[in-house]
N, C-alpha and C. Protein backbone atom coordinates (compact mmCIF):
# COMPACT_ATOMS: atom_id res chain seq x y z
N UNK A 1 100.52 119.35 105.16
CA UNK A 1 101.43 119.85 106.14
C UNK A 1 102.91 120.01 105.04
N UNK A 2 103.53 120.95 105.01
CA UNK A 2 104.77 121.13 104.22
C UNK A 2 105.83 121.65 105.10
N UNK A 3 107.08 121.33 104.79
CA UNK A 3 108.16 121.95 105.34
C UNK A 3 109.36 122.42 104.39
N UNK A 4 109.90 123.83 104.70
CA UNK A 4 111.02 123.82 103.79
C UNK A 4 112.18 123.21 104.14
N UNK A 5 112.99 122.31 103.28
CA UNK A 5 114.32 122.02 103.93
C UNK A 5 115.54 122.67 103.61
N UNK A 6 115.61 123.08 102.36
CA UNK A 6 116.86 124.06 101.97
C UNK A 6 116.90 124.27 100.90
N UNK A 7 117.63 125.44 100.61
CA UNK A 7 117.83 125.61 98.98
C UNK A 7 119.09 124.83 98.28
N UNK A 8 118.90 124.89 97.05
CA UNK A 8 120.10 123.66 96.31
C UNK A 8 120.29 124.50 94.92
N UNK A 9 121.62 124.42 94.60
CA UNK A 9 121.74 125.03 93.28
C UNK A 9 122.36 124.11 92.44
N UNK A 10 122.00 123.70 91.08
CA UNK A 10 122.32 122.52 90.26
C UNK A 10 122.92 123.23 89.12
N UNK A 11 124.04 122.58 88.69
CA UNK A 11 124.65 123.08 87.59
C UNK A 11 124.39 121.88 86.47
N UNK A 12 124.01 122.35 85.49
CA UNK A 12 123.20 121.44 84.38
C UNK A 12 123.84 122.29 83.03
N UNK A 13 124.01 121.24 81.90
CA UNK A 13 124.52 121.66 80.68
C UNK A 13 123.40 121.57 79.73
N UNK A 14 123.16 122.59 78.99
CA UNK A 14 122.07 122.51 77.93
C UNK A 14 122.82 123.12 76.89
N UNK A 15 122.86 122.45 75.82
CA UNK A 15 123.23 123.00 74.55
C UNK A 15 124.87 123.41 74.65
N UNK A 16 125.65 122.57 75.52
CA UNK A 16 126.97 122.76 75.55
C UNK A 16 127.21 124.02 76.61
N UNK A 17 126.19 124.51 76.88
CA UNK A 17 126.24 125.58 78.16
C UNK A 17 125.88 125.32 79.47
N UNK A 18 126.89 125.65 80.44
CA UNK A 18 126.64 125.40 81.73
C UNK A 18 125.53 126.38 82.38
N UNK A 19 124.50 125.95 83.01
CA UNK A 19 123.49 126.90 83.47
C UNK A 19 123.33 126.42 84.98
N UNK A 20 123.53 127.53 85.75
CA UNK A 20 123.25 127.18 87.23
C UNK A 20 121.43 127.59 87.69
N UNK A 21 120.93 126.32 88.24
CA UNK A 21 119.48 126.56 88.25
C UNK A 21 119.24 126.15 89.72
N UNK A 22 118.85 127.18 90.47
CA UNK A 22 118.65 127.30 91.88
C UNK A 22 117.06 126.75 92.20
N UNK A 23 116.89 126.00 93.09
CA UNK A 23 115.77 125.19 93.51
C UNK A 23 115.73 124.98 94.92
N UNK A 24 114.84 124.08 95.44
CA UNK A 24 114.61 123.99 96.86
C UNK A 24 114.17 122.55 97.19
N UNK A 25 114.29 122.32 98.32
CA UNK A 25 114.00 120.79 98.88
C UNK A 25 112.75 120.90 99.72
N UNK A 26 111.78 120.32 99.71
CA UNK A 26 110.71 120.36 100.74
C UNK A 26 110.26 119.01 101.28
N UNK A 27 109.80 119.02 101.99
CA UNK A 27 109.17 117.97 102.72
C UNK A 27 107.39 118.09 102.85
N UNK A 28 106.86 117.11 102.36
CA UNK A 28 105.39 117.15 102.47
C UNK A 28 104.77 115.94 103.52
N UNK A 29 103.82 116.04 104.02
CA UNK A 29 103.27 115.04 104.79
C UNK A 29 101.57 115.21 104.64
N UNK A 30 100.99 114.03 104.19
CA UNK A 30 99.62 113.81 104.09
C UNK A 30 99.17 112.83 104.84
N UNK A 31 98.00 113.12 105.68
CA UNK A 31 97.25 112.08 106.62
C UNK A 31 96.18 112.03 106.22
N UNK A 32 95.06 110.90 106.31
CA UNK A 32 93.55 110.68 106.05
C UNK A 32 93.10 111.27 104.96
N UNK A 33 94.03 111.00 103.96
CA UNK A 33 93.26 111.28 102.53
C UNK A 33 92.24 110.52 101.93
N UNK A 34 91.04 111.02 101.19
CA UNK A 34 90.29 110.29 100.78
C UNK A 34 90.65 109.66 99.66
N UNK A 35 89.92 108.73 98.77
CA UNK A 35 90.28 108.06 97.77
C UNK A 35 90.48 108.97 96.68
N UNK A 36 89.58 110.04 96.25
CA UNK A 36 89.83 111.08 95.20
C UNK A 36 91.02 111.74 95.71
N UNK A 37 91.35 112.36 96.78
CA UNK A 37 92.62 113.01 97.28
C UNK A 37 93.92 112.25 96.65
N UNK A 38 93.70 110.66 96.93
CA UNK A 38 94.84 110.04 96.81
C UNK A 38 95.27 109.84 95.29
N UNK A 39 94.07 109.75 94.43
CA UNK A 39 94.33 109.93 92.92
C UNK A 39 94.95 110.94 92.50
N UNK A 40 94.64 112.20 93.07
CA UNK A 40 95.08 113.55 92.62
C UNK A 40 96.43 113.48 92.99
N UNK A 41 97.13 113.25 94.32
CA UNK A 41 98.31 113.22 94.37
C UNK A 41 99.03 112.18 93.79
N UNK A 42 98.57 110.98 93.53
CA UNK A 42 99.28 110.01 92.79
C UNK A 42 99.61 110.84 91.34
N UNK A 43 98.61 111.26 90.77
CA UNK A 43 99.01 111.80 89.46
C UNK A 43 99.92 112.90 89.53
N UNK A 44 100.21 113.52 90.74
CA UNK A 44 101.27 114.60 90.76
C UNK A 44 102.83 113.61 91.06
N UNK A 45 102.72 112.79 91.59
CA UNK A 45 103.77 111.94 91.70
C UNK A 45 104.29 111.31 90.70
N UNK A 46 103.51 111.09 89.62
CA UNK A 46 103.99 110.26 88.51
C UNK A 46 104.42 111.20 87.34
N UNK A 47 103.60 112.49 87.43
CA UNK A 47 104.00 113.49 86.46
C UNK A 47 105.16 114.55 86.80
N UNK A 48 105.32 114.62 88.06
CA UNK A 48 106.34 115.57 88.72
C UNK A 48 105.65 116.79 88.93
N UNK A 49 106.17 117.56 90.02
CA UNK A 49 105.88 119.07 90.20
C UNK A 49 106.56 120.12 90.01
N UNK A 50 106.08 121.05 89.82
CA UNK A 50 106.88 122.34 89.36
C UNK A 50 107.46 122.39 88.00
N UNK A 51 108.40 123.11 87.80
CA UNK A 51 109.02 123.40 86.42
C UNK A 51 110.08 122.40 86.04
N UNK A 52 110.67 122.37 84.77
CA UNK A 52 111.84 121.85 84.56
C UNK A 52 111.67 120.31 84.82
N UNK A 53 110.47 119.66 84.70
CA UNK A 53 110.42 118.21 84.89
C UNK A 53 111.49 117.43 83.97
N UNK A 54 111.37 118.21 82.65
CA UNK A 54 112.12 117.13 81.69
C UNK A 54 113.57 117.31 81.87
N UNK A 55 114.16 118.15 83.04
CA UNK A 55 115.43 118.28 83.00
C UNK A 55 116.13 117.53 84.51
N UNK A 56 115.13 116.82 85.00
CA UNK A 56 115.18 115.85 86.43
C UNK A 56 114.60 116.61 87.38
N UNK A 57 113.92 117.61 87.33
CA UNK A 57 113.36 118.57 88.65
C UNK A 57 111.86 117.88 88.68
N UNK A 58 111.30 118.30 89.87
CA UNK A 58 110.00 117.83 90.05
C UNK A 58 109.59 116.59 90.59
N UNK A 59 110.74 115.66 90.87
CA UNK A 59 110.42 114.16 91.30
C UNK A 59 110.28 114.29 92.86
N UNK A 60 109.61 113.19 93.15
CA UNK A 60 109.25 112.96 94.69
C UNK A 60 109.81 111.56 94.98
N UNK A 61 110.18 111.40 96.20
CA UNK A 61 110.40 110.18 96.98
C UNK A 61 109.24 109.89 98.26
N UNK A 62 108.62 108.83 98.08
CA UNK A 62 107.71 108.32 98.83
C UNK A 62 108.17 107.78 99.86
N UNK A 63 107.56 108.18 101.25
CA UNK A 63 108.02 107.58 102.42
C UNK A 63 106.71 106.85 103.07
N UNK A 64 106.59 105.90 103.30
CA UNK A 64 105.16 105.30 103.86
C UNK A 64 105.54 105.05 105.26
């Protein structure tokens, strides 16, 4: 299950130029995952999801 939380606009500096980047916050819920599904999800958590990972986007906070 996933739920849209809100849109966000982040101002970042790249090569001395301010760039406005529009993104969004989402909430994901996972229940009853098998071991292989957990391994795939862990890969996504470790590598980041979406674009601009090197700029600090794509990270997730885990709530257990």
